[in-house]
N, C-alpha and C. Protein backbone atom coordinates (compact mmCIF):
# COMPACT_ATOMS: atom_id res chain seq x y z
N UNK A 1 10.55 36.61 -16.18
CA UNK A 1 9.93 35.94 -14.82
C UNK A 1 9.24 36.70 -14.48
N UNK A 2 8.36 35.77 -14.17
CA UNK A 2 6.83 37.04 -13.74
C UNK A 2 6.68 37.44 -12.15
N UNK A 3 5.87 37.58 -11.59
CA UNK A 3 5.62 38.78 -10.74
C UNK A 3 6.43 38.22 -9.00
N UNK A 4 6.97 36.79 -9.37
CA UNK A 4 7.42 35.96 -8.20
C UNK A 4 8.89 36.88 -7.89
N UNK A 5 9.61 37.11 -8.55
CA UNK A 5 10.43 38.43 -8.77
C UNK A 5 10.39 39.38 -8.09
N UNK A 6 9.15 40.35 -7.92
CA UNK A 6 9.03 41.31 -7.43
C UNK A 6 8.27 41.15 -6.23
N UNK A 7 7.80 40.05 -5.68
CA UNK A 7 7.13 39.99 -4.13
C UNK A 7 7.99 38.68 -3.20
N UNK A 8 9.12 38.39 -4.33
CA UNK A 8 9.67 37.12 -3.13
C UNK A 8 10.98 37.01 -2.68
N UNK A 9 11.35 36.63 -1.99
CA UNK A 9 12.71 36.44 -1.77
C UNK A 9 13.62 35.45 -2.77
N UNK A 10 15.23 36.20 -2.69
CA UNK A 10 15.89 35.44 -3.69
C UNK A 10 17.18 35.11 -2.69
N UNK A 11 17.62 33.83 -3.12
CA UNK A 11 18.78 33.04 -2.18
C UNK A 11 20.08 33.21 -3.01
N UNK A 12 21.42 32.79 -1.85
CA UNK A 12 22.29 33.08 -2.51
C UNK A 12 22.51 32.38 -4.19
N UNK A 13 21.55 30.62 -4.11
CA UNK A 13 21.63 29.92 -4.78
C UNK A 13 20.98 30.24 -6.43
N UNK A 14 20.37 31.38 -6.06
CA UNK A 14 19.14 32.47 -7.46
C UNK A 14 17.99 31.46 -7.49
N UNK A 15 17.60 31.04 -6.38
CA UNK A 15 16.37 30.48 -5.51
C UNK A 15 15.41 31.47 -5.30
N UNK A 16 14.59 31.96 -6.07
CA UNK A 16 13.49 32.94 -5.76
C UNK A 16 12.10 32.05 -5.02
N UNK A 17 11.74 32.43 -4.02
CA UNK A 17 10.68 31.88 -3.44
C UNK A 17 9.27 33.09 -3.06
N UNK A 18 8.14 32.67 -3.37
CA UNK A 18 7.49 34.20 -3.15
C UNK A 18 6.08 32.98 -2.52
N UNK A 19 4.80 34.20 -2.72
CA UNK A 19 3.59 33.08 -2.22
C UNK A 19 2.99 32.61 -4.12
N UNK A 20 2.16 31.39 -3.95
CA UNK A 20 2.21 31.23 -5.54
C UNK A 20 0.63 31.79 -6.09
N UNK A 21 0.33 31.90 -7.12
CA UNK A 21 -0.69 32.18 -7.74
C UNK A 21 -1.74 31.23 -8.99
N UNK A 22 -2.59 31.43 -9.14
CA UNK A 22 -3.41 30.30 -9.57
C UNK A 22 -2.91 29.65 -10.80
N UNK A 23 -1.93 30.58 -11.25
CA UNK A 23 -1.07 30.26 -12.15
C UNK A 23 -0.22 28.99 -11.91
N UNK A 24 -0.08 28.99 -10.94
CA UNK A 24 1.13 28.08 -10.47
C UNK A 24 0.31 26.79 -10.40
N UNK A 25 -0.61 26.61 -9.92
CA UNK A 25 -1.41 24.83 -9.38
C UNK A 25 -0.87 24.06 -10.38
N UNK A 26 -0.79 24.28 -11.60
CA UNK A 26 -0.91 22.99 -12.72
C UNK A 26 0.36 22.63 -12.21
N UNK A 27 2.11 23.40 -12.06
CA UNK A 27 3.00 22.64 -11.18
C UNK A 27 2.70 22.38 -9.96
N UNK A 28 2.11 22.76 -9.21
CA UNK A 28 2.00 22.12 -7.71
C UNK A 28 1.29 21.16 -7.54
N UNK A 29 0.30 21.17 -8.51
CA UNK A 29 -0.35 19.47 -8.81
C UNK A 29 0.59 18.74 -9.26
N UNK A 30 1.69 18.88 -10.45
CA UNK A 30 2.11 17.67 -10.90
C UNK A 30 3.38 17.07 -10.24
N UNK A 31 4.05 18.18 -9.57
CA UNK A 31 5.33 18.11 -8.59
C UNK A 31 4.29 17.19 -7.24
N UNK A 32 3.47 17.30 -6.84
CA UNK A 32 2.81 16.71 -5.32
C UNK A 32 2.31 15.69 -5.84
N UNK A 33 2.06 14.91 -7.30
CA UNK A 33 1.25 13.53 -7.91
C UNK A 33 2.82 13.62 -7.57
N UNK A 34 3.78 13.43 -8.40
CA UNK A 34 4.85 12.78 -8.05
C UNK A 34 4.80 12.17 -7.24
N UNK A 35 5.21 12.20 -6.24
CA UNK A 35 5.73 11.89 -4.79
C UNK A 35 4.46 11.55 -4.61
N UNK A 36 3.09 11.78 -3.94
CA UNK A 36 1.76 11.13 -3.79
C UNK A 36 2.10 10.04 -4.33
N UNK A 37 2.21 9.82 -5.34
CA UNK A 37 1.40 8.19 -6.41
C UNK A 37 3.29 7.40 -5.67
N UNK A 38 3.75 8.15 -5.20
CA UNK A 38 5.02 6.59 -4.45
C UNK A 38 4.49 6.53 -2.97
N UNK A 39 3.36 7.32 -2.55
CA UNK A 39 3.12 7.08 -1.44
C UNK A 39 3.97 8.17 0.24
N UNK A 40 4.93 8.81 -0.08
CA UNK A 40 5.32 9.63 0.16
C UNK A 40 4.73 10.63 0.53
N UNK A 41 3.63 11.53 0.38
CA UNK A 41 2.94 12.39 0.96
C UNK A 41 1.58 12.28 0.10
N UNK A 42 0.42 13.00 0.85
CA UNK A 42 -1.20 12.50 0.49
C UNK A 42 -1.32 13.08 -1.05
N UNK A 43 -2.28 13.30 -1.65
CA UNK A 43 -2.64 13.58 -2.93
C UNK A 43 -3.34 14.50 -2.61
N UNK A 44 -3.14 15.99 -3.59
CA UNK A 44 -3.95 17.19 -3.34
C UNK A 44 -4.33 17.61 -4.48
N UNK A 45 -5.87 17.33 -5.05
CA UNK A 45 -6.83 17.60 -5.87
C UNK A 45 -7.25 18.80 -6.15
N UNK A 46 -7.07 19.21 -7.78
CA UNK A 46 -6.89 20.23 -7.92
C UNK A 46 -7.68 21.30 -7.14
N UNK A 47 -8.92 21.07 -6.75
CA UNK A 47 -9.64 21.95 -6.28
C UNK A 47 -9.69 22.31 -4.79
N UNK A 48 -8.65 21.11 -4.43
CA UNK A 48 -8.07 21.46 -2.88
C UNK A 48 -6.98 22.82 -3.11
N UNK A 49 -6.02 22.87 -4.08
CA UNK A 49 -5.23 23.07 -4.39
C UNK A 49 -5.65 24.97 -4.68
N UNK A 50 -6.39 25.32 -5.51
CA UNK A 50 -6.82 26.17 -6.09
C UNK A 50 -7.95 26.74 -4.42
N UNK A 51 -8.76 25.95 -3.30
CA UNK A 51 -9.19 26.35 -2.58
C UNK A 51 -8.36 26.84 -1.66
N UNK A 52 -6.65 26.02 -1.31
CA UNK A 52 -6.39 26.50 -0.53
C UNK A 52 -4.50 27.23 -1.03
N UNK A 53 -4.90 28.24 -2.06
CA UNK A 53 -3.26 29.02 -3.01
C UNK A 53 -2.85 29.47 -1.96
N UNK A 54 -3.65 30.41 -1.37
CA UNK A 54 -3.04 31.32 -0.51
C UNK A 54 -1.79 30.67 0.93
N UNK A 55 -1.82 29.55 0.95
CA UNK A 55 -1.02 28.76 2.01
C UNK A 55 -0.03 28.50 1.06
N UNK A 56 -0.02 28.56 0.02
CA UNK A 56 1.18 27.71 -0.48
C UNK A 56 2.41 28.98 -1.17
N UNK A 57 3.34 28.13 -0.46
CA UNK A 57 4.77 29.58 -1.59
C UNK A 57 5.13 28.24 -2.77
N UNK A 58 5.99 29.25 -3.69
CA UNK A 58 6.22 28.36 -4.79
C UNK A 58 8.01 29.13 -5.38
N UNK A 59 8.60 27.99 -5.29
CA UNK A 59 10.18 28.27 -5.18
C UNK A 59 10.63 28.16 -6.69
N UNK A 60 10.91 28.98 -7.34
CA UNK A 60 11.91 29.26 -8.91
C UNK A 60 13.00 29.84 -9.23
N UNK A 61 13.82 29.22 -10.25
CA UNK A 61 14.79 29.85 -10.40
C UNK A 61 14.95 31.09 -11.15
N UNK A 62 15.82 31.61 -11.35
CA UNK A 62 16.42 33.29 -12.18
C UNK A 62 15.16 33.19 -13.36
N UNK A 63 15.68 31.97 -14.12
CA UNK A 63 14.39 31.96 -15.18
C UNK A 63 13.08 32.00 -15.16
N UNK A 64 12.57 31.39 -13.34
CA UNK A 64 11.16 31.52 -13.57
C UNK A 64 10.99 30.25 -13.80
N UNK A 65 11.40 29.07 -14.02
CA UNK A 65 11.48 27.44 -13.66
C UNK A 65 10.92 27.31 -12.56
N UNK A 66 9.64 26.56 -12.38
CA UNK A 66 9.31 25.88 -11.03
C UNK A 66 10.54 24.73 -11.05
N UNK A 67 10.41 25.03 -9.30
CA UNK A 67 11.44 24.07 -8.49
C UNK A 67 10.29 23.42 -7.69
N UNK A 68 9.70 24.05 -6.96
CA UNK A 68 9.23 23.38 -5.80
C UNK A 68 8.02 24.12 -5.18
N UNK A 69 7.40 23.70 -4.52
CA UNK A 69 6.41 24.33 -3.07
C UNK A 69 5.97 23.91 -1.85
N UNK A 70 5.42 24.64 -1.35
CA UNK A 70 5.42 24.33 0.44
C UNK A 70 3.93 24.96 0.61
N UNK A 71 3.11 24.31 1.35
CA UNK A 71 2.23 25.58 2.03
C UNK A 71 2.40 25.27 3.82
N UNK A 72 1.67 26.69 4.10
CA UNK A 72 1.63 26.85 5.39
C UNK A 72 0.03 27.02 5.80
N UNK A 73 -0.04 25.82 6.41
CA UNK A 73 -1.95 25.63 7.13
C UNK A 73 -2.09 25.96 8.45
N UNK A 74 -2.87 26.97 8.51
CA UNK A 74 -3.27 27.71 10.08
C UNK A 74 -4.25 26.69 10.50
N UNK A 75 -3.75 26.06 11.40
CA UNK A 75 -5.09 25.27 12.14
C UNK A 75 -5.45 26.00 13.21
N UNK A 76 -5.09 26.45 13.75
CA UNK A 76 -5.38 28.01 15.21
C UNK A 76 -4.65 28.69 15.27
N UNK A 77 -5.10 29.51 16.99
CA UNK A 77 -4.52 30.96 17.04
C UNK A 77 -2.94 30.39 17.04
N UNK A 78 -2.48 29.45 17.68
CA UNK A 78 -1.00 29.15 18.41
C UNK A 78 -0.35 27.90 17.57
N UNK A 79 -0.95 27.83 16.17
CA UNK A 79 -0.09 26.63 15.11
C UNK A 79 -0.70 26.44 14.20
N UNK A 80 0.23 25.88 13.29
CA UNK A 80 0.76 25.75 11.95
C UNK A 80 1.42 24.85 11.41
N UNK A 81 0.84 23.94 10.02
CA UNK A 81 1.15 22.59 9.82
C UNK A 81 2.27 23.03 8.60
N UNK A 82 3.55 22.76 7.85
CA UNK A 82 3.65 23.07 6.86
C UNK A 82 3.85 21.74 6.10
N UNK A 83 3.57 21.94 5.18
CA UNK A 83 2.35 21.09 4.09
C UNK A 83 2.71 20.81 3.22
N UNK A 84 2.49 19.98 2.24
CA UNK A 84 3.32 19.69 0.92
C UNK A 84 4.40 20.06 0.17
N UNK A 85 5.05 19.95 1.11
CA UNK A 85 6.50 20.27 0.42
C UNK A 85 7.06 19.12 -0.03
N UNK A 86 7.17 19.77 -1.74
CA UNK A 86 7.54 19.18 -2.69
C UNK A 86 8.68 19.56 -3.70
N UNK A 87 9.69 19.34 -3.87
CA UNK A 87 11.19 19.98 -5.08
C UNK A 87 10.96 18.55 -5.84
N UNK A 88 10.80 19.43 -7.26
CA UNK A 88 11.61 18.62 -8.33
C UNK A 88 12.72 17.86 -7.50
N UNK A 89 12.53 16.63 -8.44
CA UNK A 89 14.28 15.31 -7.81
C UNK A 89 15.30 15.94 -8.29
N UNK A 90 15.74 16.64 -9.39
CA UNK A 90 16.72 17.26 -9.50
C UNK A 90 17.47 18.40 -9.34
N UNK A 91 16.14 18.57 -8.40
CA UNK A 91 16.42 20.17 -7.44
C UNK A 91 16.53 19.72 -6.35
N UNK A 92 16.22 18.69 -5.67
CA UNK A 92 16.40 18.67 -4.32
C UNK A 92 18.60 18.85 -3.88
N UNK A 93 18.27 19.11 -2.77
CA UNK A 93 19.55 18.90 -2.36
C UNK A 93 20.59 20.23 -2.56
N UNK A 94 19.80 21.14 -3.42
CA UNK A 94 20.03 22.51 -3.74
C UNK A 94 19.58 24.01 -2.96
N UNK A 95 18.88 23.40 -2.03
CA UNK A 95 18.71 24.63 -0.93
C UNK A 95 17.14 25.11 -1.23
N UNK A 96 16.50 24.06 -2.16
CA UNK A 96 14.97 24.80 -2.50
C UNK A 96 14.16 24.43 -1.18
N UNK A 97 14.43 22.96 -0.55
CA UNK A 97 13.14 22.85 0.48
C UNK A 97 13.56 23.71 1.73
N UNK A 98 14.60 24.01 1.82
CA UNK A 98 15.21 24.78 2.94
C UNK A 98 14.66 25.80 2.66
N UNK A 99 14.66 26.68 1.79
CA UNK A 99 14.24 27.97 1.01
C UNK A 99 12.67 28.03 1.12
N UNK A 100 12.22 26.87 1.44
CA UNK A 100 10.52 27.06 1.24
C UNK A 100 10.12 26.79 2.64
N UNK A 101 11.18 26.30 3.00
CA UNK A 101 10.30 26.16 5.00
C UNK A 101 10.78 27.34 5.16
N UNK A 102 12.10 28.37 4.98
CA UNK A 102 12.35 29.39 5.72
C UNK A 102 10.97 30.55 5.78
N UNK A 103 10.60 30.08 4.12
CA UNK A 103 8.83 31.08 3.72
C UNK A 103 8.48 31.02 4.22
N UNK A 104 7.75 29.60 5.08
CA UNK A 104 6.54 29.21 6.02
C UNK A 104 6.68 30.14 8.04
N UNK A 105 8.34 29.81 7.88
CA UNK A 105 8.54 29.79 9.08
C UNK A 105 8.80 31.61 9.56
N UNK A 106 9.34 32.30 8.14
CA UNK A 106 8.86 33.65 8.19
C UNK A 106 7.49 34.29 8.69
N UNK A 107 6.61 33.64 7.32
CA UNK A 107 5.82 34.54 7.49
C UNK A 107 4.87 33.67 8.96
N UNK A 108 4.70 32.85 9.54
CA UNK A 108 4.45 32.15 11.01
C UNK A 108 5.02 33.01 11.81
N UNK A 109 5.79 33.72 11.86
CA UNK A 109 6.86 34.79 13.10
C UNK A 109 5.97 35.92 12.63
N UNK A 110 5.86 36.52 11.45
CA UNK A 110 5.79 37.42 11.49
C UNK A 110 4.10 37.77 11.46
N UNK A 111 3.40 36.37 11.72
CA UNK A 111 1.65 36.83 11.84
C UNK A 111 1.55 36.42 13.69
N UNK A 112 2.70 35.99 14.33
CA UNK A 112 2.80 36.08 15.55
C UNK A 112 2.15 34.22 15.79
N UNK A 113 2.39 33.29 15.48
CA UNK A 113 2.14 32.42 15.37
C UNK A 113 3.54 31.42 16.36
N UNK A 114 3.12 30.74 17.17
CA UNK A 114 4.48 30.47 18.52
C UNK A 114 4.97 28.43 17.46
N UNK A 115 4.41 27.99 17.16
CA UNK A 115 4.43 27.30 17.57
C UNK A 115 3.92 26.55 15.82
N UNK A 116 5.28 25.65 15.04
CA UNK A 116 4.66 25.10 13.75
C UNK A 116 5.20 23.77 13.44
N UNK A 117 4.16 22.97 12.87
CA UNK A 117 4.16 21.08 12.89
C UNK A 117 4.77 20.80 11.90
N UNK A 118 4.98 19.88 11.15
CA UNK A 118 5.30 19.24 9.97
C UNK A 118 4.69 17.63 10.24
N UNK A 119 4.55 17.01 9.46
CA UNK A 119 4.22 15.03 9.21
C UNK A 119 5.22 15.30 8.42
N UNK A 120 6.58 13.74 8.65
CA UNK A 120 7.14 13.69 7.19
C UNK A 120 7.77 12.26 7.34
N UNK A 121 8.42 12.08 6.23
CA UNK A 121 9.47 10.71 6.30
C UNK A 121 10.84 11.18 6.26
N UNK A 122 11.14 12.48 6.34
CA UNK A 122 12.38 12.80 6.21
C UNK A 122 12.54 13.66 7.40
N UNK A 123 12.52 13.29 8.75
CA UNK A 123 12.78 14.23 10.18
C UNK A 123 14.07 15.11 9.89
N UNK A 124 14.99 13.87 9.53
CA UNK A 124 16.71 14.95 9.77
C UNK A 124 16.93 16.67 8.99
N UNK A 125 16.01 16.52 8.01
CA UNK A 125 15.54 17.66 6.98
C UNK A 125 14.88 18.74 8.31
N UNK A 126 13.84 18.19 8.46
CA UNK A 126 13.88 19.54 9.62
C UNK A 126 14.56 19.90 10.73
N UNK A 127 14.80 18.81 11.14
CA UNK A 127 16.49 18.67 12.53
C UNK A 127 16.82 19.67 12.12
N UNK A 128 17.41 19.70 11.19
CA UNK A 128 18.47 20.79 10.81
C UNK A 128 18.32 22.41 10.23
N UNK A 129 16.97 22.63 10.04
CA UNK A 129 16.09 23.37 9.80
C UNK A 129 15.42 24.37 11.44
N UNK A 130 16.03 23.37 13.17
CA UNK A 130 15.53 23.85 13.77
C UNK A 130 14.27 22.94 14.36
N UNK A 131 13.45 22.31 14.13
CA UNK A 131 12.44 21.23 14.09
C UNK A 131 13.38 20.80 15.25
N UNK A 132 12.13 19.81 16.06
CA UNK A 132 12.65 18.94 17.17
C UNK A 132 11.46 17.78 17.21
N UNK A 133 11.76 16.61 16.88
CA UNK A 133 10.61 15.40 17.07
C UNK A 133 10.09 15.47 18.08
N UNK A 134 8.18 15.14 17.66
CA UNK A 134 6.74 15.79 18.93
C UNK A 134 6.46 14.64 17.96
N UNK A 135 5.33 14.47 19.46
CA UNK A 135 4.32 13.74 19.62
C UNK A 135 3.10 13.68 18.80
N UNK A 136 3.05 13.00 17.59
CA UNK A 136 1.76 13.20 16.63
C UNK A 136 0.46 13.76 17.45
N UNK A 137 -0.19 13.34 18.28
CA UNK A 137 -0.91 13.35 18.98
C UNK A 137 -0.94 14.58 19.98
N UNK A 138 0.09 15.51 20.08
CA UNK A 138 0.12 17.08 20.17
C UNK A 138 -0.74 17.95 19.74
N UNK A 139 -1.13 17.30 18.40
CA UNK A 139 -1.76 18.26 17.31
C UNK A 139 -2.87 17.35 16.72
N UNK A 140 -3.92 16.71 17.69
CA UNK A 140 -4.86 16.50 17.71
C UNK A 140 -6.13 17.71 16.55
N UNK A 141 -5.79 18.49 15.94
CA UNK A 141 -6.93 19.20 15.03
C UNK A 141 -6.54 18.51 13.34
N UNK A 142 -5.16 18.45 13.66
CA UNK A 142 -4.41 17.57 12.66
C UNK A 142 -4.92 16.36 12.16
N UNK A 143 -4.98 15.92 13.39
CA UNK A 143 -5.37 14.25 13.60
C UNK A 143 -6.28 13.97 12.96
N UNK A 144 -7.34 14.87 13.37
CA UNK A 144 -9.26 14.64 13.67
C UNK A 144 -9.48 15.43 11.64
N UNK A 145 -9.07 16.29 11.53
CA UNK A 145 -9.50 16.57 10.56
C UNK A 145 -9.00 16.29 9.21
N UNK A 146 -7.86 15.43 9.16
CA UNK A 146 -6.93 15.47 7.34
C UNK A 146 -6.60 13.56 7.83
N UNK A 147 -5.81 13.70 9.01
CA UNK A 147 -5.22 12.39 9.21
C UNK A 147 -5.85 11.05 9.16
N UNK A 148 -7.20 11.49 9.79
CA UNK A 148 -8.11 10.13 9.77
C UNK A 148 -8.84 9.89 8.32
N UNK A 149 -8.47 10.64 7.05
CA UNK A 149 -9.15 10.89 5.38
C UNK A 149 -8.13 9.71 4.84
N UNK A 150 -6.87 9.85 5.00
CA UNK A 150 -5.39 8.78 4.69
C UNK A 150 -5.62 7.71 4.52
N UNK A 151 -5.51 6.66 3.88
CA UNK A 151 -5.37 5.70 3.89
C UNK A 151 -4.76 5.19 4.48
N UNK A 152 -3.62 6.13 4.95
CA UNK A 152 -2.83 5.24 6.45
C UNK A 152 -2.78 5.17 7.39
N UNK A 153 -4.14 5.48 7.57
CA UNK A 153 -4.39 5.88 9.06
C UNK A 153 -5.03 4.61 9.64
N UNK A 154 -5.07 4.21 10.65
CA UNK A 154 -3.87 4.95 12.16
C UNK A 154 -2.64 4.53 11.84
N UNK A 155 -2.25 3.71 10.94
CA UNK A 155 -0.94 2.81 10.90
C UNK A 155 0.42 3.90 10.48
N UNK A 156 0.42 5.50 10.23
CA UNK A 156 0.81 5.89 9.76
C UNK A 156 2.14 6.18 10.26
N UNK A 157 2.93 5.74 9.53
CA UNK A 157 4.92 5.98 9.95
C UNK A 157 5.43 7.47 9.49
N UNK A 158 4.19 8.53 9.40
CA UNK A 158 4.93 9.54 8.54
C UNK A 158 5.93 10.06 10.63
N UNK A 159 6.90 11.15 10.92
CA UNK A 159 6.70 11.21 12.26
C UNK A 159 6.73 13.11 12.43
N UNK A 160 5.98 12.93 13.17
CA UNK A 160 5.88 14.61 13.91
C UNK A 160 7.09 15.54 14.06
N UNK A 161 7.13 16.70 13.58
CA UNK A 161 8.28 17.68 13.83
C UNK A 161 7.80 18.57 14.09
N UNK A 162 8.32 19.40 15.44
CA UNK A 162 8.10 21.11 15.89
C UNK A 162 8.81 21.93 15.71
N UNK A 163 8.16 22.99 15.75
CA UNK A 163 9.42 24.29 16.13
C UNK A 163 8.73 24.76 16.62
N UNK A 164 9.19 25.74 17.81
CA UNK A 164 8.84 26.79 19.00
C UNK A 164 9.30 28.07 18.57
N UNK A 165 8.46 28.89 17.80
CA UNK A 165 9.07 30.01 17.60
C UNK A 165 8.49 30.71 18.60
N UNK A 166 8.29 30.95 19.95
CA UNK A 166 7.81 32.12 20.37
C UNK A 166 9.44 32.97 20.84
N UNK A 167 9.01 33.78 21.52
CA UNK A 167 10.13 34.34 21.90
C UNK A 167 11.00 33.65 22.56
N UNK A 168 10.90 33.23 24.06
CA UNK A 168 11.47 32.52 24.99
C UNK A 168 11.51 31.16 24.51
N UNK A 169 11.91 30.88 23.03
CA UNK A 169 11.81 29.53 22.75
C UNK A 169 13.61 29.25 22.80
N UNK A 170 14.21 29.92 22.33
CA UNK A 170 15.37 29.38 22.34
C UNK A 170 16.02 29.20 23.80
N UNK A 171 16.14 30.02 24.61
CA UNK A 171 16.59 30.15 26.24
C UNK A 171 15.89 29.10 26.73
N UNK A 172 14.87 28.28 26.46
CA UNK A 172 14.28 27.22 27.01
C UNK A 172 15.14 26.03 26.44
N UNK A 173 14.97 25.99 25.68
CA UNK A 173 16.06 25.15 24.47
C UNK A 173 17.28 25.19 25.30
N UNK A 174 18.22 26.35 25.17
CA UNK A 174 19.51 26.36 25.54
C UNK A 174 19.69 25.36 26.99
N UNK A 175 18.41 26.10 28.17
CA UNK A 175 18.41 25.15 29.28
C UNK A 175 18.39 23.84 29.27
N UNK A 176 17.13 23.51 28.32
CA UNK A 176 17.27 22.13 28.68
C UNK A 176 18.40 21.11 28.23
N UNK A 177 19.58 21.63 27.83
CA UNK A 177 20.75 21.61 26.83
C UNK A 177 21.34 21.30 28.26
N UNK A 178 21.41 22.05 29.12
CA UNK A 178 22.99 21.94 30.32
C UNK A 178 22.21 20.79 31.25
N UNK A 179 23.45 20.56 32.13
CA UNK A 179 23.50 19.82 32.80
C UNK A 179 22.79 20.36 34.15
N UNK A 180 22.17 18.73 34.68
CA UNK A 180 21.71 19.07 36.21
C UNK A 180 22.28 19.20 36.72
N UNK A 181 23.06 19.99 38.10
CA UNK A 181 23.63 20.31 39.20
C UNK A 181 22.99 19.47 40.03
N UNK A 182 23.52 18.37 40.81
CA UNK A 182 22.60 17.97 42.15
C UNK A 182 21.36 18.38 42.50
N UNK A 183 20.41 17.95 41.15
CA UNK A 183 18.99 17.90 40.75
C UNK A 183 18.55 19.01 40.33
N UNK A 184 19.41 20.00 40.37
CA UNK A 184 18.77 21.32 40.18
C UNK A 184 19.32 22.16 39.12
N UNK A 185 18.49 22.23 38.00
CA UNK A 185 18.79 22.56 36.48
C UNK A 185 18.81 24.13 36.77
N UNK A 186 19.75 24.94 35.95
CA UNK A 186 20.43 26.71 36.17
C UNK A 186 19.32 27.27 35.34
N UNK A 187 19.05 28.26 36.37
CA UNK A 187 18.17 29.44 36.05
C UNK A 187 19.06 29.81 34.62
N UNK A 188 17.90 30.07 33.58
CA UNK A 188 18.11 31.15 32.62
C UNK A 188 17.28 31.74 32.20
N UNK A 189 17.85 33.34 32.08
CA UNK A 189 17.12 34.26 32.61
C UNK A 189 17.18 35.15 30.53
N UNK A 190 15.64 34.96 30.43
CA UNK A 190 15.20 34.90 29.07
C UNK A 190 15.84 35.87 28.14
N UNK A 191 16.35 36.72 28.61
CA UNK A 191 16.59 38.01 27.40
C UNK A 191 17.91 37.89 27.88
N UNK A 192 19.12 36.53 28.47
CA UNK A 192 20.06 36.52 28.33
C UNK A 192 20.40 35.35 26.85
N UNK A 193 21.52 35.45 26.66
CA UNK A 193 22.54 34.71 25.71
C UNK A 193 23.05 33.64 26.39
N UNK A 194 23.28 32.56 25.80
CA UNK A 194 23.74 31.46 26.79
C UNK A 194 25.03 30.91 25.35
N UNK A 195 26.12 30.64 25.94
CA UNK A 195 27.71 30.85 25.11
C UNK A 195 27.81 29.85 25.29
């Protein structure tokens, strides 16, 4: 197996996730193209993949076989996008996509990003990972930097999902789920845990 084993994390299913290298670009391009040709994601030309290789993670099995990819693309000081999530069809529903997204979220937390979003046709997958449905217009940098170039713009039917990674996000989310009594929501101490 190549260097990914030395730098990546290994899941219980034996999936190794690590940062992509230039040697991974042909595999990334191939898997993205399969889904892009079906209209399920945007095409990514080779030059774009090479220019953004530092954004990408790849998943491989214990023998080093390529399983899938994802990118975490920073848009601003407070926001990044999970994009180009693609897993070979025969490896779907086996934890590969979740492992890839977890790698992106771990990096986002490590570098101090408070929020991450994705545009997807499969919001249920992301909701299982803690994302919530969001309004795409909350992400104008995405819309005006990339979406406008998409052939589906402005009639895109992808669904925006987002996750708040800030330290007080969990207590706020829990408080939002509590019932409002007599028009007053219960106060939540961000340092306590709700049960």
